[in-house]
Amino acid sequence: MCRNHGPGHRHGDCRCAGAPMERFMQPCLLLLLHRRSAHGYELMQSLREFGFQDSEADPGTVYRNLRRLEEEGLVSSRWDTSGGGPARRLYRLTPEGEELLHAWAEAITHNKRRLEYFLTRYREEFGQS
């Protein structure tokens, strides 16, 4: 987030350093589904633990990501008719999705090292601890 924008800022054409985290949503969804199968609404609620705000984890964004993951064979879904109310989709992780989850963890670990190095150098340059 830049100095001129608050936490709800949409970055669009802005040149501030904050970047949308929609892509990061995919490994988060995979990790949540590794725990257990879940409905879309449950997943939306659970994304909060990864720091997603309600505006970032809105139904359209979450279901778009789930659909993309399903098209790529990383998650599967079926209609769940148990319980009262209308049928809802129940999502589960596939073996391919678990493989990608491991790859994401490696990539995030690598990027974290790079980001930590950047922050160390930045603090040295600007005399911050």
C-alpha atoms as a PDB file:
ATOM      1  CA  MET A   1       0.000   0.000   0.000  1.00  0.00           C
ATOM      2  CA  CYS A   2       1.384   3.437  -0.823  1.00  0.00           C
ATOM      3  CA  ARG A   3       1.170   6.479   1.437  1.00  0.00           C
ATOM      4  CA  ASN A   4      -1.688   7.933  -0.591  1.00  0.00           C
ATOM      5  CA  HIS A   5      -4.048   4.977  -0.405  1.00  0.00           C
ATOM      6  CA  GLY A   6      -5.857   3.156   2.376  1.00  0.00           C
ATOM      7  CA  PRO A   7      -6.227  -0.573   2.924  1.00  0.00           C
ATOM      8  CA  GLY A   8      -9.306  -0.848   0.688  1.00  0.00           C
ATOM      9  CA  HIS A   9      -7.495   0.749  -2.267  1.00  0.00           C
ATOM     10  CA  ARG A  10      -7.923  -0.934  -5.657  1.00  0.00           C
ATOM     11  CA  HIS A  11      -4.666  -0.667  -7.535  1.00  0.00           C
ATOM     12  CA  GLY A  12      -5.918  -0.692 -11.133  1.00  0.00           C
ATOM     13  CA  ASP A  13      -3.900   1.969 -12.947  1.00  0.00           C
ATOM     14  CA  CYS A  14      -2.190   3.242  -9.791  1.00  0.00           C
ATOM     15  CA  ARG A  15       1.589   2.998  -9.730  1.00  0.00           C
ATOM     16  CA  CYS A  16       1.860   2.344  -5.995  1.00  0.00           C
ATOM     17  CA  ALA A  17       3.722  -0.752  -4.857  1.00  0.00           C
ATOM     18  CA  GLY A  18       0.697  -2.639  -3.575  1.00  0.00           C
ATOM     19  CA  ALA A  19      -0.234  -5.476  -5.894  1.00  0.00           C
ATOM     20  CA  PRO A  20      -3.403  -7.518  -6.142  1.00  0.00           C
ATOM     21  CA  MET A  21      -3.142 -10.847  -4.340  1.00  0.00           C
ATOM     22  CA  GLU A  22      -5.642 -12.727  -6.513  1.00  0.00           C
ATOM     23  CA  ARG A  23      -2.951 -15.112  -7.808  1.00  0.00           C
ATOM     24  CA  PHE A  24      -1.910 -15.944  -4.217  1.00  0.00           C
ATOM     25  CA  MET A  25      -5.478 -17.025  -3.603  1.00  0.00           C
ATOM     26  CA  GLN A  26      -4.901 -20.216  -5.605  1.00  0.00           C
ATOM     27  CA  PRO A  27      -2.309 -21.825  -3.287  1.00  0.00           C
ATOM     28  CA  CYS A  28      -4.394 -20.725  -0.305  1.00  0.00           C
ATOM     29  CA  LEU A  29      -7.442 -22.494  -1.737  1.00  0.00           C
ATOM     30  CA  LEU A  30      -5.356 -25.598  -2.439  1.00  0.00           C
ATOM     31  CA  LEU A  31      -4.049 -25.619   1.131  1.00  0.00           C
ATOM     32  CA  LEU A  32      -7.548 -25.186   2.564  1.00  0.00           C
ATOM     33  CA  LEU A  33      -8.798 -28.068   0.426  1.00  0.00           C
ATOM     34  CA  HIS A  34      -5.872 -30.210   1.545  1.00  0.00           C
ATOM     35  CA  ARG A  35      -7.302 -29.947   5.068  1.00  0.00           C
ATOM     36  CA  ARG A  36     -10.741 -31.096   3.950  1.00  0.00           C
ATOM     37  CA  SER A  37     -13.320 -30.792   1.210  1.00  0.00           C
ATOM     38  CA  ALA A  38     -15.362 -27.598   1.445  1.00  0.00           C
ATOM     39  CA  HIS A  39     -18.080 -25.494  -0.144  1.00  0.00           C
ATOM     40  CA  GLY A  40     -17.250 -22.193  -1.793  1.00  0.00           C
ATOM     41  CA  TYR A  41     -18.756 -20.128   1.014  1.00  0.00           C
ATOM     42  CA  GLU A  42     -16.641 -21.949   3.603  1.00  0.00           C
ATOM     43  CA  LEU A  43     -13.550 -21.290   1.520  1.00  0.00           C
ATOM     44  CA  MET A  44     -14.386 -17.576   1.271  1.00  0.00           C
ATOM     45  CA  GLN A  45     -14.597 -17.380   5.053  1.00  0.00           C
ATOM     46  CA  SER A  46     -11.382 -19.364   5.552  1.00  0.00           C
ATOM     47  CA  LEU A  47      -9.368 -17.110   3.224  1.00  0.00           C
ATOM     48  CA  ARG A  48      -9.439 -14.475   5.974  1.00  0.00           C
ATOM     49  CA  GLU A  49      -6.796 -16.441   7.881  1.00  0.00           C
ATOM     50  CA  PHE A  50      -4.411 -15.694   4.987  1.00  0.00           C
ATOM     51  CA  GLY A  51      -5.118 -11.966   5.242  1.00  0.00           C
ATOM     52  CA  PHE A  52      -7.670 -11.675   2.436  1.00  0.00           C
ATOM     53  CA  GLN A  53     -10.252  -8.978   3.059  1.00  0.00           C
ATOM     54  CA  ASP A  54     -13.891  -9.549   2.151  1.00  0.00           C
ATOM     55  CA  SER A  55     -13.459  -7.325  -0.915  1.00  0.00           C
ATOM     56  CA  GLU A  56     -10.569  -9.512  -2.149  1.00  0.00           C
ATOM     57  CA  ALA A  57     -12.319 -12.811  -1.399  1.00  0.00           C
ATOM     58  CA  ASP A  58     -15.659 -11.871  -2.922  1.00  0.00           C
ATOM     59  CA  PRO A  59     -17.765 -14.683  -4.397  1.00  0.00           C
ATOM     60  CA  GLY A  60     -16.898 -13.842  -8.004  1.00  0.00           C
ATOM     61  CA  THR A  61     -13.154 -13.963  -7.388  1.00  0.00           C
ATOM     62  CA  VAL A  62     -13.263 -17.140  -5.304  1.00  0.00           C
ATOM     63  CA  TYR A  63     -15.527 -19.043  -7.703  1.00  0.00           C
ATOM     64  CA  ARG A  64     -13.518 -17.858 -10.718  1.00  0.00           C
ATOM     65  CA  ASN A  65     -10.378 -19.269  -9.096  1.00  0.00           C
ATOM     66  CA  LEU A  66     -12.123 -22.521  -8.153  1.00  0.00           C
ATOM     67  CA  ARG A  67     -13.418 -22.923 -11.703  1.00  0.00           C
ATOM     68  CA  ARG A  68      -9.920 -22.305 -13.097  1.00  0.00           C
ATOM     69  CA  LEU A  69      -8.410 -24.826 -10.660  1.00  0.00           C
ATOM     70  CA  GLU A  70     -11.064 -27.362 -11.633  1.00  0.00           C
ATOM     71  CA  GLU A  71     -10.504 -26.825 -15.368  1.00  0.00           C
ATOM     72  CA  GLU A  72      -6.803 -27.508 -14.763  1.00  0.00           C
ATOM     73  CA  GLY A  73      -7.592 -30.731 -12.889  1.00  0.00           C
ATOM     74  CA  LEU A  74      -6.249 -29.407  -9.571  1.00  0.00           C
ATOM     75  CA  VAL A  75      -9.563 -29.608  -7.725  1.00  0.00           C
ATOM     76  CA  SER A  76     -12.740 -31.513  -8.412  1.00  0.00           C
ATOM     77  CA  SER A  77     -16.281 -30.805  -7.352  1.00  0.00           C
ATOM     78  CA  ARG A  78     -19.596 -32.531  -7.029  1.00  0.00           C
ATOM     79  CA  TRP A  79     -23.072 -31.399  -6.127  1.00  0.00           C
ATOM     80  CA  ASP A  80     -23.767 -31.870  -2.426  1.00  0.00           C
ATOM     81  CA  THR A  81     -27.459 -32.440  -1.775  1.00  0.00           C
ATOM     82  CA  SER A  82     -27.126 -33.475   1.858  1.00  0.00           C
ATOM     83  CA  GLY A  83     -28.607 -31.168   4.447  1.00  0.00           C
ATOM     84  CA  GLY A  84     -31.405 -28.704   3.944  1.00  0.00           C
ATOM     85  CA  GLY A  85     -31.536 -26.084   1.273  1.00  0.00           C
ATOM     86  CA  PRO A  86     -30.391 -26.073  -2.323  1.00  0.00           C
ATOM     87  CA  ALA A  87     -27.580 -28.252  -3.651  1.00  0.00           C
ATOM     88  CA  ARG A  88     -24.102 -26.748  -3.287  1.00  0.00           C
ATOM     89  CA  ARG A  89     -20.810 -27.619  -4.896  1.00  0.00           C
ATOM     90  CA  LEU A  90     -18.351 -29.456  -2.669  1.00  0.00           C
ATOM     91  CA  TYR A  91     -14.725 -29.001  -3.723  1.00  0.00           C
ATOM     92  CA  ARG A  92     -11.833 -31.353  -3.023  1.00  0.00           C
ATOM     93  CA  LEU A  93      -8.126 -31.392  -3.835  1.00  0.00           C
ATOM     94  CA  THR A  94      -6.877 -33.797  -6.507  1.00  0.00           C
ATOM     95  CA  PRO A  95      -3.439 -35.470  -6.466  1.00  0.00           C
ATOM     96  CA  GLU A  96      -2.351 -33.004  -9.162  1.00  0.00           C
ATOM     97  CA  GLY A  97      -3.525 -30.151  -6.953  1.00  0.00           C
ATOM     98  CA  GLU A  98      -1.438 -31.475  -4.084  1.00  0.00           C
ATOM     99  CA  GLU A  99       1.628 -31.587  -6.356  1.00  0.00           C
ATOM    100  CA  LEU A 100       1.035 -27.973  -7.359  1.00  0.00           C
ATOM    101  CA  LEU A 101       0.559 -27.009  -3.703  1.00  0.00           C
ATOM    102  CA  HIS A 102       4.059 -28.358  -2.960  1.00  0.00           C
ATOM    103  CA  ALA A 103       5.457 -26.429  -5.941  1.00  0.00           C
ATOM    104  CA  TRP A 104       3.782 -23.238  -4.701  1.00  0.00           C
ATOM    105  CA  ALA A 105       5.356 -23.734  -1.260  1.00  0.00           C
ATOM    106  CA  GLU A 106       8.811 -24.022  -2.851  1.00  0.00           C
ATOM    107  CA  ALA A 107       8.264 -20.927  -4.993  1.00  0.00           C
ATOM    108  CA  ILE A 108       6.968 -18.914  -2.034  1.00  0.00           C
ATOM    109  CA  THR A 109       9.971 -19.976   0.061  1.00  0.00           C
ATOM    110  CA  HIS A 110      12.321 -18.827  -2.712  1.00  0.00           C
ATOM    111  CA  ASN A 111      10.487 -15.519  -3.159  1.00  0.00           C
ATOM    112  CA  LYS A 112      10.396 -14.948   0.598  1.00  0.00           C
ATOM    113  CA  ARG A 113      14.210 -15.158   0.703  1.00  0.00           C
ATOM    114  CA  ARG A 114      14.449 -12.639  -2.123  1.00  0.00           C
ATOM    115  CA  LEU A 115      12.003 -10.282  -0.422  1.00  0.00           C
ATOM    116  CA  GLU A 116      13.804 -10.577   2.927  1.00  0.00           C
ATOM    117  CA  TYR A 117      17.089  -9.737   1.202  1.00  0.00           C
ATOM    118  CA  PHE A 118      15.478  -6.696  -0.432  1.00  0.00           C
ATOM    119  CA  LEU A 119      14.098  -5.488   2.911  1.00  0.00           C
ATOM    120  CA  THR A 120      17.468  -5.964   4.619  1.00  0.00           C
ATOM    121  CA  ARG A 121      19.198  -3.899   1.924  1.00  0.00           C
ATOM    122  CA  TYR A 122      16.431  -1.275   2.005  1.00  0.00           C
ATOM    123  CA  ARG A 123      16.757  -0.879   5.771  1.00  0.00           C
ATOM    124  CA  GLU A 124      20.538  -0.594   5.474  1.00  0.00           C
ATOM    125  CA  GLU A 125      20.186   2.131   2.813  1.00  0.00           C
ATOM    126  CA  PHE A 126      17.702   4.137   4.846  1.00  0.00           C
ATOM    127  CA  GLY A 127      19.166   3.471   8.279  1.00  0.00           C
ATOM    128  CA  GLN A 128      16.145   1.586   9.570  1.00  0.00           C
ATOM    129  CA  SER A 129      16.342  -1.372  11.899  1.00  0.00           C
END
